């Protein structure tokens, strides 16, 4: 099993920045892909970004491209989401996810590809 714990959420004004972290523990050697998803009130959970833990390839949702950056520190078993120029529509609970499947661009945004999930961290962007 893999355990994921997110941190770094909070309240920020529009135009501001936050960095989310996701620390993994357990069978981390079995992880090959990590991602961030988010769920706004009254909406379905949606894909934000994903990264290959082996080669560092990344995929982003169009809504965050150019503003958010996903990265990883394999030595620390941690992934990050740097969020810049935040907008009120970015307000959501952000979830970290991990997969034991090799990273593939076409599969990275698919929620069902990820068997491991964190509890989520709230990000609120005020206008």
Foldseek 3Di string as FASTA:
>chain_A
DKAKAKDWADEEAAQAKIKMKIFIDDPLVLWFKKFKWWDDPPGDIWGAKMAGPPPGDMDGDPVQPPFWDWDDDVVRRMIMIIGGRDDQVVWTWMKMFTASDHDDRVCGGPPVRTPYIYPTDTHGYHD
